[in-house]
Amino acid sequence: MVVTSYAKEADMGLFDKIKGLGRKHEAQIDQGIDKAEAVAHDKVGDKVGHDKIDTAADKAHEAADKLADD
C-alpha cells in the first residue's frame, strides 16, 4: 500500500492533537484510570484477580504519561 505524503502529514497532525490533549488533560485522564480501576476491583476483582487489575491500571498510567511527555 502506498501512503502519500499528505496522508502521513494528516496522521501526524492527528497524533500531535492527541498528544496535546494528553498534556492538557493529564489530571483528568489519571482520575479516569483510577476510577476505572476502582470499578473493576468492585465488579470483577475476585474473578479476574486484583493484581491483574492493578497491573492494567499501572500500564494505562504509563501509557498516558508517555503520551503527555512526548
N, C-alpha and C. Protein backbone atom coordinates (compact mmCIF):
# COMPACT_ATOMS: atom_id res chain seq x y z
N MET A 1 0.84 -1.17 0.00
CA MET A 1 0.00 0.00 0.00
C MET A 1 0.89 1.23 0.00
N VAL A 2 0.60 2.16 -0.85
CA VAL A 2 1.38 3.38 -0.97
C VAL A 2 0.68 4.48 -0.18
N VAL A 3 1.42 5.09 0.72
CA VAL A 3 0.87 6.18 1.52
C VAL A 3 1.46 7.48 1.00
N THR A 4 0.61 8.39 0.65
CA THR A 4 1.10 9.66 0.14
C THR A 4 1.61 10.52 1.28
N SER A 5 2.41 11.52 0.94
CA SER A 5 2.94 12.41 1.97
C SER A 5 1.82 13.18 2.65
N TYR A 6 0.74 13.48 1.91
CA TYR A 6 -0.41 14.17 2.50
C TYR A 6 -1.03 13.32 3.60
N ALA A 7 -1.18 12.02 3.35
CA ALA A 7 -1.76 11.12 4.35
C ALA A 7 -0.87 11.03 5.58
N LYS A 8 0.44 10.98 5.38
CA LYS A 8 1.37 10.94 6.51
C LYS A 8 1.26 12.21 7.34
N GLU A 9 1.16 13.36 6.67
CA GLU A 9 1.04 14.63 7.38
C GLU A 9 -0.27 14.69 8.15
N ALA A 10 -1.34 14.19 7.58
CA ALA A 10 -2.63 14.18 8.26
C ALA A 10 -2.57 13.28 9.49
N ASP A 11 -1.93 12.12 9.37
CA ASP A 11 -1.79 11.22 10.51
C ASP A 11 -0.97 11.87 11.61
N MET A 12 0.11 12.53 11.26
CA MET A 12 0.96 13.17 12.26
C MET A 12 0.21 14.34 12.91
N GLY A 13 -0.60 15.06 12.14
CA GLY A 13 -1.39 16.15 12.71
C GLY A 13 -2.37 15.63 13.75
N LEU A 14 -3.01 14.52 13.46
CA LEU A 14 -3.94 13.92 14.39
C LEU A 14 -3.21 13.44 15.64
N PHE A 15 -2.07 12.80 15.45
CA PHE A 15 -1.30 12.31 16.59
C PHE A 15 -0.83 13.48 17.46
N ASP A 16 -0.41 14.57 16.83
CA ASP A 16 0.00 15.75 17.59
C ASP A 16 -1.16 16.33 18.40
N LYS A 17 -2.37 16.30 17.81
CA LYS A 17 -3.56 16.76 18.54
C LYS A 17 -3.81 15.89 19.77
N ILE A 18 -3.68 14.58 19.58
CA ILE A 18 -3.91 13.66 20.69
C ILE A 18 -2.89 13.88 21.79
N LYS A 19 -1.62 14.07 21.40
CA LYS A 19 -0.59 14.34 22.41
C LYS A 19 -0.89 15.63 23.15
N GLY A 20 -1.34 16.66 22.42
CA GLY A 20 -1.69 17.92 23.06
C GLY A 20 -2.83 17.76 24.05
N LEU A 21 -3.82 16.97 23.69
CA LEU A 21 -4.92 16.71 24.61
C LEU A 21 -4.44 15.94 25.83
N GLY A 22 -3.51 15.02 25.62
CA GLY A 22 -2.95 14.27 26.74
C GLY A 22 -2.24 15.16 27.72
N ARG A 23 -1.51 16.16 27.21
CA ARG A 23 -0.83 17.10 28.09
C ARG A 23 -1.83 18.00 28.81
N LYS A 24 -2.82 18.47 28.07
CA LYS A 24 -3.78 19.43 28.61
C LYS A 24 -4.67 18.80 29.68
N HIS A 25 -5.02 17.53 29.50
CA HIS A 25 -5.98 16.87 30.39
C HIS A 25 -5.36 15.71 31.16
N GLU A 26 -4.09 15.82 31.49
CA GLU A 26 -3.39 14.73 32.16
C GLU A 26 -4.04 14.34 33.48
N ALA A 27 -4.45 15.32 34.27
CA ALA A 27 -5.06 15.02 35.57
C ALA A 27 -6.38 14.28 35.40
N GLN A 28 -7.18 14.71 34.43
CA GLN A 28 -8.47 14.07 34.21
C GLN A 28 -8.28 12.64 33.70
N ILE A 29 -7.29 12.43 32.86
CA ILE A 29 -7.00 11.08 32.36
C ILE A 29 -6.61 10.17 33.52
N ASP A 30 -5.73 10.66 34.40
CA ASP A 30 -5.32 9.87 35.56
C ASP A 30 -6.50 9.56 36.47
N GLN A 31 -7.38 10.54 36.67
CA GLN A 31 -8.56 10.31 37.51
C GLN A 31 -9.47 9.26 36.88
N GLY A 32 -9.62 9.31 35.56
CA GLY A 32 -10.44 8.33 34.87
C GLY A 32 -9.89 6.92 34.99
N ILE A 33 -8.57 6.81 34.88
CA ILE A 33 -7.94 5.49 35.03
C ILE A 33 -8.15 4.97 36.45
N ASP A 34 -7.97 5.84 37.44
CA ASP A 34 -8.17 5.43 38.83
C ASP A 34 -9.61 5.01 39.10
N LYS A 35 -10.56 5.75 38.51
CA LYS A 35 -11.97 5.41 38.69
C LYS A 35 -12.30 4.07 38.03
N ALA A 36 -11.77 3.86 36.83
CA ALA A 36 -11.99 2.59 36.14
C ALA A 36 -11.38 1.43 36.93
N GLU A 37 -10.22 1.67 37.52
CA GLU A 37 -9.58 0.64 38.35
C GLU A 37 -10.46 0.29 39.55
N ALA A 38 -11.02 1.30 40.21
CA ALA A 38 -11.87 1.06 41.38
C ALA A 38 -13.13 0.29 41.00
N VAL A 39 -13.73 0.64 39.88
CA VAL A 39 -14.93 -0.07 39.42
C VAL A 39 -14.59 -1.52 39.09
N ALA A 40 -13.46 -1.73 38.44
CA ALA A 40 -13.04 -3.10 38.10
C ALA A 40 -12.81 -3.93 39.36
N HIS A 41 -12.19 -3.32 40.36
CA HIS A 41 -11.99 -4.04 41.63
C HIS A 41 -13.34 -4.44 42.24
N ASP A 42 -14.30 -3.53 42.21
CA ASP A 42 -15.61 -3.81 42.80
C ASP A 42 -16.39 -4.85 42.02
N LYS A 43 -16.36 -4.75 40.70
CA LYS A 43 -17.22 -5.61 39.87
C LYS A 43 -16.64 -6.99 39.59
N VAL A 44 -15.35 -7.06 39.26
CA VAL A 44 -14.78 -8.34 38.82
C VAL A 44 -13.46 -8.67 39.51
N GLY A 45 -13.12 -7.96 40.55
CA GLY A 45 -11.83 -8.17 41.21
C GLY A 45 -11.58 -9.59 41.68
N ASP A 46 -12.61 -10.22 42.24
CA ASP A 46 -12.43 -11.59 42.74
C ASP A 46 -12.35 -12.61 41.61
N LYS A 47 -13.00 -12.33 40.51
CA LYS A 47 -12.99 -13.27 39.37
C LYS A 47 -11.69 -13.16 38.59
N VAL A 48 -11.26 -11.93 38.33
CA VAL A 48 -10.09 -11.69 37.48
C VAL A 48 -8.81 -11.70 38.30
N GLY A 49 -8.87 -11.16 39.46
CA GLY A 49 -7.69 -11.04 40.32
C GLY A 49 -7.29 -9.58 40.46
N HIS A 50 -7.17 -9.17 41.69
CA HIS A 50 -6.86 -7.76 41.96
C HIS A 50 -5.48 -7.37 41.42
N ASP A 51 -4.55 -8.30 41.41
CA ASP A 51 -3.22 -7.99 40.90
C ASP A 51 -3.24 -7.69 39.40
N LYS A 52 -4.08 -8.38 38.66
CA LYS A 52 -4.19 -8.12 37.22
C LYS A 52 -4.80 -6.75 36.95
N ILE A 53 -5.77 -6.37 37.76
CA ILE A 53 -6.39 -5.05 37.61
C ILE A 53 -5.37 -3.97 37.93
N ASP A 54 -4.60 -4.17 39.00
CA ASP A 54 -3.56 -3.20 39.36
C ASP A 54 -2.52 -3.06 38.25
N THR A 55 -2.12 -4.19 37.68
CA THR A 55 -1.14 -4.17 36.59
C THR A 55 -1.68 -3.41 35.38
N ALA A 56 -2.94 -3.67 35.04
CA ALA A 56 -3.55 -2.98 33.90
C ALA A 56 -3.63 -1.48 34.15
N ALA A 57 -3.99 -1.08 35.35
CA ALA A 57 -4.07 0.35 35.69
C ALA A 57 -2.69 0.99 35.64
N ASP A 58 -1.68 0.28 36.13
CA ASP A 58 -0.31 0.81 36.07
C ASP A 58 0.14 1.01 34.62
N LYS A 59 -0.17 0.06 33.77
CA LYS A 59 0.21 0.19 32.35
C LYS A 59 -0.56 1.33 31.68
N ALA A 60 -1.81 1.50 32.05
CA ALA A 60 -2.59 2.61 31.49
C ALA A 60 -2.01 3.95 31.93
N HIS A 61 -1.60 4.06 33.20
CA HIS A 61 -0.96 5.28 33.69
C HIS A 61 0.36 5.53 32.94
N GLU A 62 1.14 4.49 32.73
CA GLU A 62 2.41 4.64 32.00
C GLU A 62 2.17 5.12 30.57
N ALA A 63 1.16 4.55 29.92
CA ALA A 63 0.86 4.97 28.53
C ALA A 63 0.39 6.42 28.50
N ALA A 64 -0.43 6.80 29.45
CA ALA A 64 -0.91 8.19 29.50
C ALA A 64 0.23 9.15 29.78
N ASP A 65 1.13 8.76 30.69
CA ASP A 65 2.29 9.60 30.99
C ASP A 65 3.20 9.74 29.78
N LYS A 66 3.40 8.64 29.07
CA LYS A 66 4.25 8.67 27.88
C LYS A 66 3.64 9.59 26.81
N LEU A 67 2.35 9.51 26.64
CA LEU A 67 1.66 10.35 25.67
C LEU A 67 1.77 11.83 26.05
N ALA A 68 1.66 12.13 27.33
CA ALA A 68 1.73 13.52 27.80
C ALA A 68 3.15 14.06 27.72
N ASP A 69 4.15 13.19 27.88
CA ASP A 69 5.54 13.63 27.88
C ASP A 69 6.11 13.86 26.49
N ASP A 70 5.57 13.17 25.49
CA ASP A 70 6.10 13.31 24.13
C ASP A 70 5.85 14.67 23.56
